[in-house]
Amino acid sequence: MIKLSLRKLRRDLTVGEILAKQRNELDLTLEEVAAYIKVSRQYLESLEAGDYKNLPAQVYINNFIKSYDGFVGLDGDVLIKRFANELDLYKKIHKKEEDTPIAAKRSDKIKFHHFLIVPKLIKSVIIIVIVGLFLTYLGFELKKIASPPELFVMYPPNNFITEDPYIEVSGEADKEAKILINGQEILSDRIGSFKTTVNLNRGVNIITVNAINKHGNETVIYRKIMLEENENVGKK
């Protein structure tokens, strides 16, 4: 079996959790491991569960770990060092239990547990943030696909009356939108501004301005223009 180095072992797991994980991946029972390495099943169960108070002296635990690791294909020396750190932390936390109030004892236990699971929490937060950003981006893109383009006709105003036989139509739209005025495509600049001149007929004229985006969504604005006859025309 290939032995795993310290760098390849997950740092958010205890030694017991690493052993249990490797054992389960090999489809082995505690009884099979206990029988092979000739160690009490109860000791192995306490080791995997992190039940430090029910384990024998550390010298015996080191032998358990080395035998266990050798059986399931892990690096015993690496895990023995890690277990020593875990056991040292456990002893420091529980050293003052007799003189510590119950509430403080509970707090120490929580701190020890948090010391082991903080990497998991950080990883979970990172995943949640990434998923949230992705969903926000996806929602923004879907909104862009479903929404019609923005269109503003700056001039002329609606119901405009003029005596000139032509009028300038100007406005702004989404820069990627196609602009049509009375069915004819009009070029816009890089920020979406457009301008053109429309000839008028005597009486009421309806100017239709269309903006169509690349997804086929359309915005339409109408302008009603009244061309009145110039009273000075024909007069000398």
C-alpha atoms as a PDB file:
ATOM      1  CA  MET A   1       0.000   0.000   0.000  1.00  0.00           C
ATOM      2  CA  ILE A   2       1.150   3.603  -0.706  1.00  0.00           C
ATOM      3  CA  LYS A   3       1.882   5.573   2.433  1.00  0.00           C
ATOM      4  CA  LEU A   4       0.466   9.116   2.540  1.00  0.00           C
ATOM      5  CA  SER A   5       2.731  12.013   3.485  1.00  0.00           C
ATOM      6  CA  LEU A   6       1.829  14.703   6.013  1.00  0.00           C
ATOM      7  CA  ARG A   7       0.975  17.183   3.239  1.00  0.00           C
ATOM      8  CA  LYS A   8      -1.547  14.800   1.724  1.00  0.00           C
ATOM      9  CA  LEU A   9      -3.356  14.185   5.027  1.00  0.00           C
ATOM     10  CA  ARG A  10      -6.300  16.492   5.653  1.00  0.00           C
ATOM     11  CA  ARG A  11      -5.490  18.925   8.444  1.00  0.00           C
ATOM     12  CA  ASP A  12      -9.131  19.383   9.446  1.00  0.00           C
ATOM     13  CA  LEU A  13      -9.400  15.746  10.577  1.00  0.00           C
ATOM     14  CA  THR A  14      -8.160  14.203  13.819  1.00  0.00           C
ATOM     15  CA  VAL A  15      -5.874  11.177  13.730  1.00  0.00           C
ATOM     16  CA  GLY A  16      -8.803   8.979  14.722  1.00  0.00           C
ATOM     17  CA  GLU A  17     -10.952  10.377  11.900  1.00  0.00           C
ATOM     18  CA  ILE A  18      -8.139   9.811   9.386  1.00  0.00           C
ATOM     19  CA  LEU A  19      -7.782   6.175  10.498  1.00  0.00           C
ATOM     20  CA  ALA A  20     -11.534   5.582  10.388  1.00  0.00           C
ATOM     21  CA  LYS A  21     -11.794   7.174   6.945  1.00  0.00           C
ATOM     22  CA  GLN A  22      -8.973   5.041   5.553  1.00  0.00           C
ATOM     23  CA  ARG A  23     -10.424   1.897   7.146  1.00  0.00           C
ATOM     24  CA  ASN A  24     -13.857   2.554   5.643  1.00  0.00           C
ATOM     25  CA  GLU A  25     -12.355   3.209   2.219  1.00  0.00           C
ATOM     26  CA  LEU A  26     -10.682  -0.218   2.442  1.00  0.00           C
ATOM     27  CA  ASP A  27     -14.013  -1.727   3.564  1.00  0.00           C
ATOM     28  CA  LEU A  28     -12.524  -3.062   6.823  1.00  0.00           C
ATOM     29  CA  THR A  29     -14.328  -3.481  10.143  1.00  0.00           C
ATOM     30  CA  LEU A  30     -12.892  -2.575  13.538  1.00  0.00           C
ATOM     31  CA  GLU A  31     -12.966  -6.253  14.434  1.00  0.00           C
ATOM     32  CA  GLU A  32     -10.795  -7.129  11.426  1.00  0.00           C
ATOM     33  CA  VAL A  33      -8.242  -4.444  12.265  1.00  0.00           C
ATOM     34  CA  ALA A  34      -8.220  -5.385  15.972  1.00  0.00           C
ATOM     35  CA  ALA A  35      -7.685  -9.055  15.152  1.00  0.00           C
ATOM     36  CA  TYR A  36      -4.860  -8.311  12.720  1.00  0.00           C
ATOM     37  CA  ILE A  37      -2.865  -5.921  14.913  1.00  0.00           C
ATOM     38  CA  LYS A  38      -3.845  -7.716  18.143  1.00  0.00           C
ATOM     39  CA  VAL A  39      -5.283  -4.681  19.946  1.00  0.00           C
ATOM     40  CA  SER A  40      -8.530  -4.428  21.891  1.00  0.00           C
ATOM     41  CA  ARG A  41     -11.450  -3.318  19.727  1.00  0.00           C
ATOM     42  CA  GLN A  42     -12.493  -0.891  22.494  1.00  0.00           C
ATOM     43  CA  TYR A  43      -9.136   0.901  22.340  1.00  0.00           C
ATOM     44  CA  LEU A  44      -9.385   1.216  18.567  1.00  0.00           C
ATOM     45  CA  GLU A  45     -12.952   2.491  18.863  1.00  0.00           C
ATOM     46  CA  SER A  46     -11.850   5.121  21.420  1.00  0.00           C
ATOM     47  CA  LEU A  47      -8.909   6.079  19.185  1.00  0.00           C
ATOM     48  CA  GLU A  48     -11.132   6.645  16.147  1.00  0.00           C
ATOM     49  CA  ALA A  49     -13.705   8.549  18.225  1.00  0.00           C
ATOM     50  CA  GLY A  50     -11.083  10.822  19.814  1.00  0.00           C
ATOM     51  CA  ASP A  51     -12.061   9.540  23.268  1.00  0.00           C
ATOM     52  CA  TYR A  52      -8.681  10.365  24.814  1.00  0.00           C
ATOM     53  CA  LYS A  53      -9.655   9.700  28.422  1.00  0.00           C
ATOM     54  CA  ASN A  54     -10.353   6.011  27.714  1.00  0.00           C
ATOM     55  CA  LEU A  55      -7.020   5.355  26.002  1.00  0.00           C
ATOM     56  CA  PRO A  56      -3.978   3.811  27.720  1.00  0.00           C
ATOM     57  CA  ALA A  57      -0.581   5.508  28.139  1.00  0.00           C
ATOM     58  CA  GLN A  58       0.790   7.321  25.123  1.00  0.00           C
ATOM     59  CA  VAL A  59       3.585   4.802  24.511  1.00  0.00           C
ATOM     60  CA  TYR A  60       0.952   2.111  23.963  1.00  0.00           C
ATOM     61  CA  ILE A  61      -1.146   4.422  21.791  1.00  0.00           C
ATOM     62  CA  ASN A  62       1.876   5.082  19.582  1.00  0.00           C
ATOM     63  CA  ASN A  63       2.262   1.345  19.021  1.00  0.00           C
ATOM     64  CA  PHE A  64      -1.469   1.089  18.228  1.00  0.00           C
ATOM     65  CA  ILE A  65      -1.212   3.882  15.693  1.00  0.00           C
ATOM     66  CA  LYS A  66       1.910   2.481  14.056  1.00  0.00           C
ATOM     67  CA  SER A  67       0.379  -1.003  13.741  1.00  0.00           C
ATOM     68  CA  TYR A  68      -2.969   0.387  12.594  1.00  0.00           C
ATOM     69  CA  ASP A  69      -1.344   2.684  10.035  1.00  0.00           C
ATOM     70  CA  GLY A  70       0.812  -0.082   8.683  1.00  0.00           C
ATOM     71  CA  PHE A  71      -2.274  -2.231   8.166  1.00  0.00           C
ATOM     72  CA  VAL A  72      -4.377   0.400   6.342  1.00  0.00           C
ATOM     73  CA  GLY A  73      -1.507   1.988   4.374  1.00  0.00           C
ATOM     74  CA  LEU A  74      -0.778   5.268   6.176  1.00  0.00           C
ATOM     75  CA  ASP A  75       2.465   6.764   7.512  1.00  0.00           C
ATOM     76  CA  GLY A  76       2.616   5.844  11.204  1.00  0.00           C
ATOM     77  CA  ASP A  77       5.422   8.268  12.120  1.00  0.00           C
ATOM     78  CA  VAL A  78       3.511  11.203  10.680  1.00  0.00           C
ATOM     79  CA  LEU A  79       0.305  10.371  12.537  1.00  0.00           C
ATOM     80  CA  ILE A  80       2.114   9.665  15.804  1.00  0.00           C
ATOM     81  CA  LYS A  81       3.481  13.236  15.738  1.00  0.00           C
ATOM     82  CA  ARG A  82       0.058  14.619  14.938  1.00  0.00           C
ATOM     83  CA  PHE A  83      -1.585  12.557  17.692  1.00  0.00           C
ATOM     84  CA  ALA A  84       1.001  13.812  20.210  1.00  0.00           C
ATOM     85  CA  ASN A  85      -0.021  17.380  19.347  1.00  0.00           C
ATOM     86  CA  GLU A  86      -3.709  16.506  19.718  1.00  0.00           C
ATOM     87  CA  LEU A  87      -3.132  14.798  23.048  1.00  0.00           C
ATOM     88  CA  ASP A  88      -1.030  17.704  24.309  1.00  0.00           C
ATOM     89  CA  LEU A  89      -3.788  20.151  23.378  1.00  0.00           C
ATOM     90  CA  TYR A  90      -6.389  17.933  25.075  1.00  0.00           C
ATOM     91  CA  LYS A  91      -4.346  17.751  28.291  1.00  0.00           C
ATOM     92  CA  LYS A  92      -3.803  21.526  28.388  1.00  0.00           C
ATOM     93  CA  ILE A  93      -7.518  22.185  27.985  1.00  0.00           C
ATOM     94  CA  HIS A  94      -8.558  19.673  30.629  1.00  0.00           C
ATOM     95  CA  LYS A  95      -5.706  20.309  33.060  1.00  0.00           C
ATOM     96  CA  LYS A  96      -7.631  22.960  35.021  1.00  0.00           C
ATOM     97  CA  GLU A  97     -11.009  21.165  35.009  1.00  0.00           C
ATOM     98  CA  GLU A  98     -11.102  20.574  38.760  1.00  0.00           C
ATOM     99  CA  ASP A  99     -10.667  24.276  39.542  1.00  0.00           C
ATOM    100  CA  THR A 100     -12.698  25.581  36.619  1.00  0.00           C
ATOM    101  CA  PRO A 101     -16.451  26.414  36.812  1.00  0.00           C
ATOM    102  CA  ILE A 102     -18.792  24.215  34.780  1.00  0.00           C
ATOM    103  CA  ALA A 103     -19.566  27.007  32.314  1.00  0.00           C
ATOM    104  CA  ALA A 104     -15.838  27.536  31.682  1.00  0.00           C
ATOM    105  CA  LYS A 105     -15.311  23.800  31.178  1.00  0.00           C
ATOM    106  CA  ARG A 106     -17.994  23.755  28.539  1.00  0.00           C
ATOM    107  CA  SER A 107     -16.333  26.728  26.862  1.00  0.00           C
ATOM    108  CA  ASP A 108     -12.977  24.920  26.774  1.00  0.00           C
ATOM    109  CA  LYS A 109     -14.565  21.874  25.168  1.00  0.00           C
ATOM    110  CA  ILE A 110     -16.164  24.089  22.566  1.00  0.00           C
ATOM    111  CA  LYS A 111     -12.819  25.787  21.882  1.00  0.00           C
ATOM    112  CA  PHE A 112     -11.115  22.421  21.401  1.00  0.00           C
ATOM    113  CA  HIS A 113     -13.837  21.309  19.026  1.00  0.00           C
ATOM    114  CA  HIS A 114     -13.634  24.610  17.131  1.00  0.00           C
ATOM    115  CA  PHE A 115      -9.856  24.252  16.867  1.00  0.00           C
ATOM    116  CA  LEU A 116     -10.410  21.069  14.888  1.00  0.00           C
ATOM    117  CA  ILE A 117     -13.321  22.221  12.709  1.00  0.00           C
ATOM    118  CA  VAL A 118     -12.263  25.796  11.824  1.00  0.00           C
ATOM    119  CA  PRO A 119     -10.737  24.698   8.464  1.00  0.00           C
ATOM    120  CA  LYS A 120     -14.055  23.032   7.583  1.00  0.00           C
ATOM    121  CA  LEU A 121     -15.940  26.241   8.379  1.00  0.00           C
ATOM    122  CA  ILE A 122     -13.580  28.351   6.293  1.00  0.00           C
ATOM    123  CA  LYS A 123     -13.947  25.968   3.370  1.00  0.00           C
ATOM    124  CA  SER A 124     -17.736  26.006   3.715  1.00  0.00           C
ATOM    125  CA  VAL A 125     -17.836  29.821   3.793  1.00  0.00           C
ATOM    126  CA  ILE A 126     -15.651  30.033   0.677  1.00  0.00           C
ATOM    127  CA  ILE A 127     -17.903  27.580  -1.159  1.00  0.00           C
ATOM    128  CA  ILE A 128     -21.039  29.511  -0.127  1.00  0.00           C
ATOM    129  CA  VAL A 129     -19.528  32.807  -1.310  1.00  0.00           C
ATOM    130  CA  ILE A 130     -18.494  31.317  -4.664  1.00  0.00           C
ATOM    131  CA  VAL A 131     -21.920  29.765  -5.202  1.00  0.00           C
ATOM    132  CA  GLY A 132     -23.610  33.054  -4.228  1.00  0.00           C
ATOM    133  CA  LEU A 133     -21.482  35.038  -6.692  1.00  0.00           C
ATOM    134  CA  PHE A 134     -22.180  32.525  -9.433  1.00  0.00           C
ATOM    135  CA  LEU A 135     -25.944  32.638  -8.818  1.00  0.00           C
ATOM    136  CA  THR A 136     -25.869  36.452  -8.784  1.00  0.00           C
ATOM    137  CA  TYR A 137     -23.999  36.510 -12.094  1.00  0.00           C
ATOM    138  CA  LEU A 138     -26.359  33.922 -13.560  1.00  0.00           C
ATOM    139  CA  GLY A 139     -29.401  35.925 -12.446  1.00  0.00           C
ATOM    140  CA  PHE A 140     -27.940  39.090 -13.959  1.00  0.00           C
ATOM    141  CA  GLU A 141     -27.312  37.343 -17.282  1.00  0.00           C
ATOM    142  CA  LEU A 142     -30.811  35.833 -17.333  1.00  0.00           C
ATOM    143  CA  LYS A 143     -32.296  39.252 -16.622  1.00  0.00           C
ATOM    144  CA  LYS A 144     -30.325  40.702 -19.539  1.00  0.00           C
ATOM    145  CA  ILE A 145     -31.634  37.967 -21.835  1.00  0.00           C
ATOM    146  CA  ALA A 146     -35.253  38.432 -20.776  1.00  0.00           C
ATOM    147  CA  SER A 147     -35.297  42.245 -20.555  1.00  0.00           C
ATOM    148  CA  PRO A 148     -35.943  44.575 -23.506  1.00  0.00           C
ATOM    149  CA  PRO A 149     -33.228  47.133 -24.311  1.00  0.00           C
ATOM    150  CA  GLU A 150     -33.329  50.624 -22.883  1.00  0.00           C
ATOM    151  CA  LEU A 151     -34.403  53.337 -25.331  1.00  0.00           C
ATOM    152  CA  PHE A 152     -34.740  57.095 -24.891  1.00  0.00           C
ATOM    153  CA  VAL A 153     -35.908  59.525 -27.563  1.00  0.00           C
ATOM    154  CA  MET A 154     -34.505  62.929 -26.617  1.00  0.00           C
ATOM    155  CA  TYR A 155     -35.965  64.869 -29.520  1.00  0.00           C
ATOM    156  CA  PRO A 156     -38.581  65.592 -30.709  1.00  0.00           C
ATOM    157  CA  PRO A 157     -41.121  65.499 -27.892  1.00  0.00           C
ATOM    158  CA  ASN A 158     -44.470  63.814 -28.509  1.00  0.00           C
ATOM    159  CA  ASN A 159     -47.249  65.896 -30.135  1.00  0.00           C
ATOM    160  CA  PHE A 160     -44.694  68.306 -31.527  1.00  0.00           C
ATOM    161  CA  ILE A 161     -45.912  70.911 -34.031  1.00  0.00           C
ATOM    162  CA  THR A 162     -43.601  72.304 -36.682  1.00  0.00           C
ATOM    163  CA  GLU A 163     -43.678  74.119 -40.029  1.00  0.00           C
ATOM    164  CA  ASP A 164     -40.388  72.579 -41.244  1.00  0.00           C
ATOM    165  CA  PRO A 165     -40.782  69.704 -43.741  1.00  0.00           C
ATOM    166  CA  TYR A 166     -38.134  67.652 -41.910  1.00  0.00           C
ATOM    167  CA  ILE A 167     -37.158  67.020 -38.299  1.00  0.00           C
ATOM    168  CA  GLU A 168     -34.119  65.673 -36.499  1.00  0.00           C
ATOM    169  CA  VAL A 169     -34.730  62.592 -34.332  1.00  0.00           C
ATOM    170  CA  SER A 170     -32.129  61.876 -31.645  1.00  0.00           C
ATOM    171  CA  GLY A 171     -31.796  59.665 -28.597  1.00  0.00           C
ATOM    172  CA  GLU A 172     -29.887  56.917 -26.790  1.00  0.00           C
ATOM    173  CA  ALA A 173     -30.238  53.138 -26.478  1.00  0.00           C
ATOM    174  CA  ASP A 174     -28.227  50.163 -25.255  1.00  0.00           C
ATOM    175  CA  LYS A 175     -24.959  50.317 -27.181  1.00  0.00           C
ATOM    176  CA  GLU A 176     -25.410  46.808 -28.635  1.00  0.00           C
ATOM    177  CA  ALA A 177     -29.026  47.386 -29.724  1.00  0.00           C
ATOM    178  CA  LYS A 178     -30.042  47.805 -33.358  1.00  0.00           C
ATOM    179  CA  ILE A 179     -31.917  51.090 -33.970  1.00  0.00           C
ATOM    180  CA  LEU A 180     -34.717  51.417 -36.530  1.00  0.00           C
ATOM    181  CA  ILE A 181     -36.527  54.677 -37.299  1.00  0.00           C
ATOM    182  CA  ASN A 182     -39.630  54.214 -39.454  1.00  0.00           C
ATOM    183  CA  GLY A 183     -38.235  50.813 -40.419  1.00  0.00           C
ATOM    184  CA  GLN A 184     -34.820  52.022 -41.549  1.00  0.00           C
ATOM    185  CA  GLU A 185     -31.737  51.018 -39.571  1.00  0.00           C
ATOM    186  CA  ILE A 186     -29.800  53.906 -38.057  1.00  0.00           C
ATOM    187  CA  LEU A 187     -26.186  53.683 -36.926  1.00  0.00           C
ATOM    188  CA  SER A 188     -25.403  54.543 -33.316  1.00  0.00           C
ATOM    189  CA  ASP A 189     -22.068  55.497 -31.790  1.00  0.00           C
ATOM    190  CA  ARG A 190     -20.036  53.474 -29.276  1.00  0.00           C
ATOM    191  CA  ILE A 191     -22.150  54.619 -26.313  1.00  0.00           C
ATOM    192  CA  GLY A 192     -25.514  54.056 -28.048  1.00  0.00           C
ATOM    193  CA  SER A 193     -26.354  57.632 -29.130  1.00  0.00           C
ATOM    194  CA  PHE A 194     -28.125  58.032 -32.466  1.00  0.00           C
ATOM    195  CA  LYS A 195     -29.336  60.913 -34.653  1.00  0.00           C
ATOM    196  CA  THR A 196     -31.005  61.186 -38.063  1.00  0.00           C
ATOM    197  CA  THR A 197     -33.284  63.456 -40.083  1.00  0.00           C
ATOM    198  CA  VAL A 198     -36.827  62.397 -41.008  1.00  0.00           C
ATOM    199  CA  ASN A 199     -38.873  63.992 -43.781  1.00  0.00           C
ATOM    200  CA  LEU A 200     -42.416  64.987 -42.820  1.00  0.00           C
ATOM    201  CA  ASN A 201     -45.681  64.993 -44.711  1.00  0.00           C
ATOM    202  CA  ARG A 202     -48.323  67.649 -44.260  1.00  0.00           C
ATOM    203  CA  GLY A 203     -50.583  66.831 -41.354  1.00  0.00           C
ATOM    204  CA  VAL A 204     -49.983  64.167 -38.699  1.00  0.00           C
ATOM    205  CA  ASN A 205     -46.781  62.111 -38.888  1.00  0.00           C
ATOM    206  CA  ILE A 206     -46.051  59.095 -36.685  1.00  0.00           C
ATOM    207  CA  ILE A 207     -42.368  58.421 -36.123  1.00  0.00           C
ATOM    208  CA  THR A 208     -41.592  54.914 -34.857  1.00  0.00           C
ATOM    209  CA  VAL A 209     -38.296  54.267 -33.079  1.00  0.00           C
ATOM    210  CA  ASN A 210     -37.337  50.639 -32.389  1.00  0.00           C
ATOM    211  CA  ALA A 211     -34.427  49.257 -30.340  1.00  0.00           C
ATOM    212  CA  ILE A 212     -33.782  45.509 -30.728  1.00  0.00           C
ATOM    213  CA  ASN A 213     -31.118  43.677 -28.725  1.00  0.00           C
ATOM    214  CA  LYS A 214     -29.197  40.558 -29.740  1.00  0.00           C
ATOM    215  CA  HIS A 215     -31.716  38.322 -27.945  1.00  0.00           C
ATOM    216  CA  GLY A 216     -34.592  39.650 -30.067  1.00  0.00           C
ATOM    217  CA  ASN A 217     -36.204  41.695 -27.305  1.00  0.00           C
ATOM    218  CA  GLU A 218     -37.605  45.009 -28.516  1.00  0.00           C
ATOM    219  CA  THR A 219     -38.515  48.440 -27.164  1.00  0.00           C
ATOM    220  CA  VAL A 220     -40.678  50.783 -29.259  1.00  0.00           C
ATOM    221  CA  ILE A 221     -41.327  54.522 -28.809  1.00  0.00           C
ATOM    222  CA  TYR A 222     -43.713  56.574 -30.905  1.00  0.00           C
ATOM    223  CA  ARG A 223     -43.635  60.305 -31.607  1.00  0.00           C
ATOM    224  CA  LYS A 224     -46.586  62.150 -33.144  1.00  0.00           C
ATOM    225  CA  ILE A 225     -45.488  65.162 -35.172  1.00  0.00           C
ATOM    226  CA  MET A 226     -47.832  67.726 -36.756  1.00  0.00           C
ATOM    227  CA  LEU A 227     -46.558  69.476 -39.887  1.00  0.00           C
ATOM    228  CA  GLU A 228     -48.503  72.694 -40.394  1.00  0.00           C
ATOM    229  CA  GLU A 229     -48.482  74.696 -43.575  1.00  0.00           C
ATOM    230  CA  ASN A 230     -46.202  77.713 -43.443  1.00  0.00           C
ATOM    231  CA  GLU A 231     -48.442  80.770 -43.880  1.00  0.00           C
ATOM    232  CA  ASN A 232     -45.575  82.675 -45.508  1.00  0.00           C
ATOM    233  CA  VAL A 233     -45.197  80.123 -48.292  1.00  0.00           C
ATOM    234  CA  GLY A 234     -46.382  81.603 -51.603  1.00  0.00           C
ATOM    235  CA  LYS A 235     -46.460  85.153 -50.226  1.00  0.00           C
ATOM    236  CA  LYS A 236     -44.254  87.807 -51.777  1.00  0.00           C
END
